[in-house]
Amino acid sequence: MATDFSSSVFSIEHDGPVATLWLDREEARNAMGPDFWRDLPVAMAALDADDEVRAIVIAAKGPHFSVGLDLKAMSGTLMGSGNSDAAPSSSATKNAALYRQIRSMQASVTSVADCTKPVIAAVHGYCIGGGVDLIAACDIRLSSFDAVYSVREAKVAIVADIGSLQRLPAIIGIGHVNELALTGKDITAERAAAIGLVNDAVGSPAEVLHRARAMAAEIAANSPLAVQGTKAVLAASASKTVEEGLEFVAMWNALYINSNDLLEAMTSFVEKRPGNYTGT
């Protein structure tokens, strides 16, 4: 089953239970313009609703993952100009419109984090600004050796506002976030792996895509109920005390542990074969 989705800047490829969401604006180095922000949550919702998809890889066509915000296409939004025929009557309404736009862009990237299915980023080439926002919302990040990472916003007079400053401290620690965000410096794939921004740096762009898809297939072979439950519990526990997290997972398992997948796990163990999980 092909996921029902169409976009000028994204495409979706299926390989069994693994779906690859391609950033597909190669000619613009996958810069993030209005179509990106509009279509990303639509794509994620479509993949989330597709019962045949169990794991998702986000990758990019062309030589770069993403150079971040399309400053040319988004300049009107950033400067609060927009359509002159519908110009705000005051600075207050103009500021309110910009606030709503930023919140909408934030929600677009948050759709990746909120997806119930695991999402793996396969990164190569430039991963700049909004590209880092995007991969920070993924569950696992893999990198090719040629990748370059930068929380670049300070260099273009913007405070990063799409999620990097909120998500990265839990991923790489506040000291590394301060260094990257305050300097706007570029770092190599090796440095990104050393500080935990990516899980691993491996070979060429083709190799990192292969590695990401293999990992997604490994995840997809497990019980969907257990995989999605694990993601939900980890997300909930991030904002809870240990005791609150334990209470949450106890409630989750009380609801979902008595499944056909658990019976299949026990049966396949006794029969010494891989489990064939249905997510029921």
Protein backbone atom coordinates (compact mmCIF):
# COMPACT_ATOMS: atom_id res chain seq x y z
CA MET A 1 0.00 0.00 0.00
CA ALA A 2 1.39 3.41 -0.98
CA THR A 3 0.87 6.19 1.52
CA ASP A 4 -1.63 8.70 0.13
CA PHE A 5 0.48 11.85 -0.12
CA SER A 6 1.65 14.28 -2.79
CA SER A 7 4.12 17.16 -2.51
CA SER A 8 6.48 19.24 -4.62
CA VAL A 9 9.22 19.09 -1.95
CA PHE A 10 8.80 15.62 -0.44
CA SER A 11 8.40 12.11 -1.80
CA ILE A 12 7.74 8.79 -0.07
CA GLU A 13 9.25 5.41 -0.90
CA HIS A 14 8.08 2.12 0.60
CA ASP A 15 10.08 -1.04 1.20
CA GLY A 16 7.85 -3.42 3.13
CA PRO A 17 7.20 -1.97 6.59
CA VAL A 18 9.89 0.72 6.17
CA ALA A 19 8.99 4.05 4.57
CA THR A 20 11.56 6.61 3.46
CA LEU A 21 10.42 10.23 3.51
CA TRP A 22 12.65 12.05 1.06
CA LEU A 23 13.45 15.74 1.23
CA ASP A 24 13.07 16.19 -2.49
CA ARG A 25 14.11 19.70 -3.45
CA GLU A 26 17.59 18.90 -4.70
CA GLU A 27 17.89 22.00 -6.88
CA ALA A 28 17.60 24.22 -3.78
CA ARG A 29 19.78 22.00 -1.54
CA ASN A 30 16.55 21.09 0.27
CA ALA A 31 16.10 24.60 1.65
CA MET A 32 12.95 24.87 3.74
CA GLY A 33 10.38 27.14 2.14
CA PRO A 34 6.61 27.49 2.58
CA ASP A 35 5.88 24.12 0.92
CA PHE A 36 8.19 22.34 3.36
CA TRP A 37 6.48 23.73 6.45
CA ARG A 38 3.03 23.03 5.02
CA ASP A 39 3.69 19.51 3.74
CA LEU A 40 5.87 17.98 6.46
CA PRO A 41 3.05 17.47 9.02
CA VAL A 42 0.78 16.17 6.24
CA ALA A 43 3.42 13.60 5.28
CA MET A 44 4.01 12.55 8.88
CA ALA A 45 0.27 12.19 9.53
CA ALA A 46 -0.12 10.05 6.41
CA LEU A 47 2.77 7.77 7.43
CA ASP A 48 1.50 7.55 11.00
CA ALA A 49 -1.95 6.50 9.76
CA ASP A 50 -0.57 3.83 7.39
CA ASP A 51 -0.80 0.54 9.31
CA GLU A 52 1.70 -1.09 6.96
CA VAL A 53 4.43 1.37 7.94
CA ARG A 54 6.29 0.41 11.11
CA ALA A 55 9.41 2.60 10.90
CA ILE A 56 10.34 5.74 8.98
CA VAL A 57 13.62 7.00 7.56
CA ILE A 58 14.01 10.68 6.73
CA ALA A 59 16.65 11.18 4.05
CA ALA A 60 17.44 13.74 1.36
CA LYS A 61 18.00 13.69 -2.37
CA GLY A 62 20.93 15.57 -3.84
CA PRO A 63 24.30 16.37 -2.27
CA HIS A 64 22.93 17.89 0.94
CA PHE A 65 20.41 16.98 3.63
CA SER A 66 19.27 20.58 4.08
CA VAL A 67 20.79 24.04 4.17
CA GLY A 68 17.96 25.11 6.46
CA LEU A 69 15.48 27.91 6.10
CA ASP A 70 14.91 29.23 2.58
CA LEU A 71 15.69 32.84 3.47
CA LYS A 72 14.62 34.17 0.07
CA ALA A 73 11.27 32.40 0.00
CA MET A 74 10.57 33.12 3.67
CA SER A 75 11.86 36.72 3.82
CA GLY A 76 8.37 38.20 3.67
CA THR A 77 7.27 36.03 6.57
CA LEU A 78 10.37 36.79 8.65
CA MET A 79 10.09 40.53 8.10
CA GLY A 80 6.33 40.49 8.67
CA SER A 81 5.47 41.98 5.27
CA GLY A 82 3.27 39.39 3.56
CA ASN A 83 0.52 40.43 1.16
CA SER A 84 0.27 44.20 0.85
CA ASP A 85 -3.45 43.90 0.11
CA ALA A 86 -3.95 42.37 3.54
CA ALA A 87 -1.33 44.35 5.44
CA PRO A 88 -1.77 44.43 9.23
CA SER A 89 -3.17 47.70 10.52
CA SER A 90 -0.66 47.94 13.36
CA SER A 91 2.63 46.56 14.61
CA ALA A 92 0.69 44.55 17.19
CA THR A 93 -1.29 42.61 14.58
CA LYS A 94 1.85 42.20 12.48
CA ASN A 95 3.71 40.78 15.47
CA ALA A 96 0.80 38.47 16.27
CA ALA A 97 0.84 37.16 12.70
CA LEU A 98 4.57 36.46 12.93
CA TYR A 99 4.07 34.68 16.25
CA ARG A 100 1.41 32.43 14.68
CA GLN A 101 3.73 31.69 11.75
CA ILE A 102 6.59 30.68 14.05
CA ARG A 103 4.27 28.47 16.09
CA SER A 104 3.03 26.83 12.89
CA MET A 105 6.60 26.10 11.77
CA GLN A 106 7.38 24.69 15.21
CA ALA A 107 4.34 22.43 14.97
CA SER A 108 5.51 21.24 11.56
CA VAL A 109 8.77 19.87 13.00
CA THR A 110 7.05 18.63 16.15
CA SER A 111 4.94 16.37 13.90
CA VAL A 112 8.10 14.27 13.51
CA ALA A 113 8.60 13.94 17.26
CA ASP A 114 4.90 13.24 17.78
CA CYS A 115 4.75 10.43 15.21
CA THR A 116 3.92 7.21 17.05
CA LYS A 117 6.37 5.29 14.86
CA PRO A 118 10.17 5.47 15.21
CA VAL A 119 11.85 7.98 12.88
CA ILE A 120 15.51 7.65 11.84
CA ALA A 121 17.37 10.52 10.18
CA ALA A 122 19.93 9.56 7.53
CA VAL A 123 22.07 12.68 7.12
CA HIS A 124 24.67 13.62 4.53
CA GLY A 125 26.18 16.86 3.27
CA TYR A 126 25.06 20.09 4.87
CA CYS A 127 22.65 19.85 7.80
CA ILE A 128 22.29 23.49 8.74
CA GLY A 129 19.88 25.46 10.91
CA GLY A 130 16.42 24.04 10.24
CA GLY A 131 18.06 20.78 9.20
CA VAL A 132 19.31 20.37 12.78
CA ASP A 133 15.84 21.29 14.07
CA LEU A 134 14.45 18.47 11.94
CA ILE A 135 16.89 15.75 12.97
CA ALA A 136 16.61 16.76 16.64
CA ALA A 137 12.93 15.76 16.40
CA CYS A 138 13.89 12.29 15.12
CA ASP A 139 14.40 9.32 17.44
CA ILE A 140 17.72 8.17 15.97
CA ARG A 141 20.26 10.06 13.85
CA LEU A 142 22.85 8.47 11.57
CA SER A 143 25.43 10.42 9.58
CA SER A 144 27.72 9.95 6.62
CA PHE A 145 31.32 11.11 7.04
CA ASP A 146 30.82 14.04 4.67
CA ALA A 147 28.07 15.65 6.78
CA VAL A 148 28.50 19.13 8.25
CA TYR A 149 26.27 20.34 11.10
CA SER A 150 25.56 23.86 12.28
CA VAL A 151 23.06 25.61 14.52
CA ARG A 152 23.61 28.58 12.24
CA GLU A 153 20.89 31.04 13.28
CA ALA A 154 23.05 33.39 15.38
CA LYS A 155 25.15 34.07 12.30
CA VAL A 156 22.07 35.40 10.46
CA ALA A 157 20.74 37.43 13.41
CA ILE A 158 18.01 34.98 14.46
CA VAL A 159 17.46 33.10 17.71
CA ALA A 160 16.92 29.45 16.73
CA ASP A 161 13.19 28.99 17.28
CA ILE A 162 12.04 25.73 15.64
CA GLY A 163 13.19 23.27 18.31
CA SER A 164 16.98 22.91 18.44
CA LEU A 165 17.36 24.93 21.65
CA GLN A 166 14.58 22.92 23.29
CA ARG A 167 15.47 19.39 22.11
CA LEU A 168 19.26 19.42 21.87
CA PRO A 169 20.05 19.81 25.60
CA ALA A 170 18.56 16.37 26.24
CA ILE A 171 20.52 14.96 23.30
CA ILE A 172 23.99 16.51 23.62
CA GLY A 173 23.95 18.44 26.92
CA ILE A 174 23.69 22.15 27.59
CA GLY A 175 27.43 22.86 27.26
CA HIS A 176 27.59 21.57 23.69
CA VAL A 177 24.32 23.35 22.83
CA ASN A 178 25.74 26.63 24.13
CA GLU A 179 28.88 26.19 22.05
CA LEU A 180 27.04 25.36 18.83
CA ALA A 181 24.21 27.87 19.17
CA LEU A 182 26.23 30.84 20.42
CA THR A 183 29.06 30.48 17.87
CA GLY A 184 27.02 29.21 14.92
CA LYS A 185 30.11 27.14 14.02
CA ASP A 186 30.22 24.17 11.67
CA ILE A 187 31.13 20.78 13.08
CA THR A 188 32.14 17.58 11.33
CA ALA A 189 30.34 14.25 11.42
CA GLU A 190 33.05 12.90 13.69
CA ARG A 191 32.49 15.71 16.21
CA ALA A 192 28.71 15.26 15.91
CA ALA A 193 29.11 11.58 16.79
CA ALA A 194 31.51 12.35 19.65
CA ILE A 195 29.04 14.70 21.37
CA GLY A 196 26.05 12.46 20.69
CA LEU A 197 24.29 14.65 18.11
CA VAL A 198 24.28 11.57 15.88
CA ASN A 199 24.31 7.94 16.98
CA ASP A 200 27.05 7.05 14.52
CA ALA A 201 28.97 8.36 11.52
CA VAL A 202 29.48 5.81 8.76
CA GLY A 203 30.90 5.96 5.26
CA SER A 204 29.21 7.53 2.25
CA PRO A 205 25.70 8.95 1.80
CA ALA A 206 24.65 5.66 0.19
CA GLU A 207 26.07 3.71 3.12
CA VAL A 208 24.31 5.81 5.74
CA LEU A 209 21.00 5.39 3.92
CA HIS A 210 21.55 1.63 3.80
CA ARG A 211 22.42 1.60 7.50
CA ALA A 212 19.34 3.65 8.40
CA ARG A 213 17.02 1.42 6.39
CA ALA A 214 18.57 -1.72 7.89
CA MET A 215 18.04 -0.33 11.38
CA ALA A 216 14.46 0.63 10.51
CA ALA A 217 13.86 -2.92 9.25
CA GLU A 218 15.29 -4.31 12.48
CA ILE A 219 12.86 -2.14 14.45
CA ALA A 220 9.98 -3.05 12.15
CA ALA A 221 10.54 -6.75 12.87
CA ASN A 222 9.58 -6.19 16.51
CA SER A 223 6.06 -5.93 17.87
CA PRO A 224 4.56 -2.60 16.70
CA LEU A 225 2.69 -2.34 20.00
CA ALA A 226 5.91 -2.71 21.97
CA VAL A 227 7.91 -0.37 19.72
CA GLN A 228 5.31 2.38 19.71
CA GLY A 229 4.71 1.90 23.43
CA THR A 230 8.43 2.24 24.12
CA LYS A 231 8.56 5.49 22.15
CA ALA A 232 5.50 6.83 23.99
CA VAL A 233 6.91 5.90 27.41
CA LEU A 234 10.30 7.47 26.66
CA ALA A 235 8.63 10.68 25.48
CA ALA A 236 6.37 10.87 28.52
CA SER A 237 9.18 10.04 30.95
CA ALA A 238 11.30 12.94 29.67
CA SER A 239 9.04 15.40 31.48
CA LYS A 240 8.30 13.27 34.56
CA THR A 241 10.05 12.16 37.73
CA VAL A 242 11.26 8.57 37.86
CA GLU A 243 8.24 7.61 39.97
CA GLU A 244 5.83 9.33 37.58
CA GLY A 245 7.52 7.56 34.66
CA LEU A 246 7.17 4.20 36.39
CA GLU A 247 3.49 4.89 37.01
CA PHE A 248 3.01 5.81 33.33
CA VAL A 249 4.65 2.63 32.00
CA ALA A 250 2.70 0.50 34.50
CA MET A 251 -0.53 1.97 33.18
CA TRP A 252 0.62 1.52 29.58
CA ASN A 253 1.48 -2.15 30.01
CA ALA A 254 -1.69 -2.80 31.97
CA LEU A 255 -3.59 -1.58 28.93
CA TYR A 256 -1.54 -3.18 26.14
CA ILE A 257 0.54 -6.13 27.38
CA ASN A 258 -2.22 -8.74 26.92
CA SER A 259 -1.82 -8.75 23.13
CA ASN A 260 -1.66 -11.24 20.29
CA ASP A 261 1.93 -10.07 19.79
CA LEU A 262 2.89 -11.23 23.30
CA LEU A 263 1.37 -14.66 22.62
CA GLU A 264 3.29 -14.78 19.33
CA ALA A 265 6.51 -13.81 21.14
CA MET A 266 6.15 -16.69 23.57
CA THR A 267 5.13 -19.16 20.85
CA SER A 268 7.99 -18.20 18.53
CA PHE A 269 10.48 -18.49 21.42
CA VAL A 270 9.33 -22.03 22.18
CA GLU A 271 9.37 -22.92 18.48
CA LYS A 272 12.80 -21.30 18.05
CA ARG A 273 11.79 -19.04 15.15
CA PRO A 274 11.52 -15.30 14.56
CA GLY A 275 8.28 -13.70 15.73
CA ASN A 276 5.67 -12.67 13.16
CA TYR A 277 4.01 -9.68 14.80
CA THR A 278 0.74 -8.16 13.66
CA GLY A 279 0.43 -5.23 16.02
CA THR A 280 -2.76 -6.60 17.56
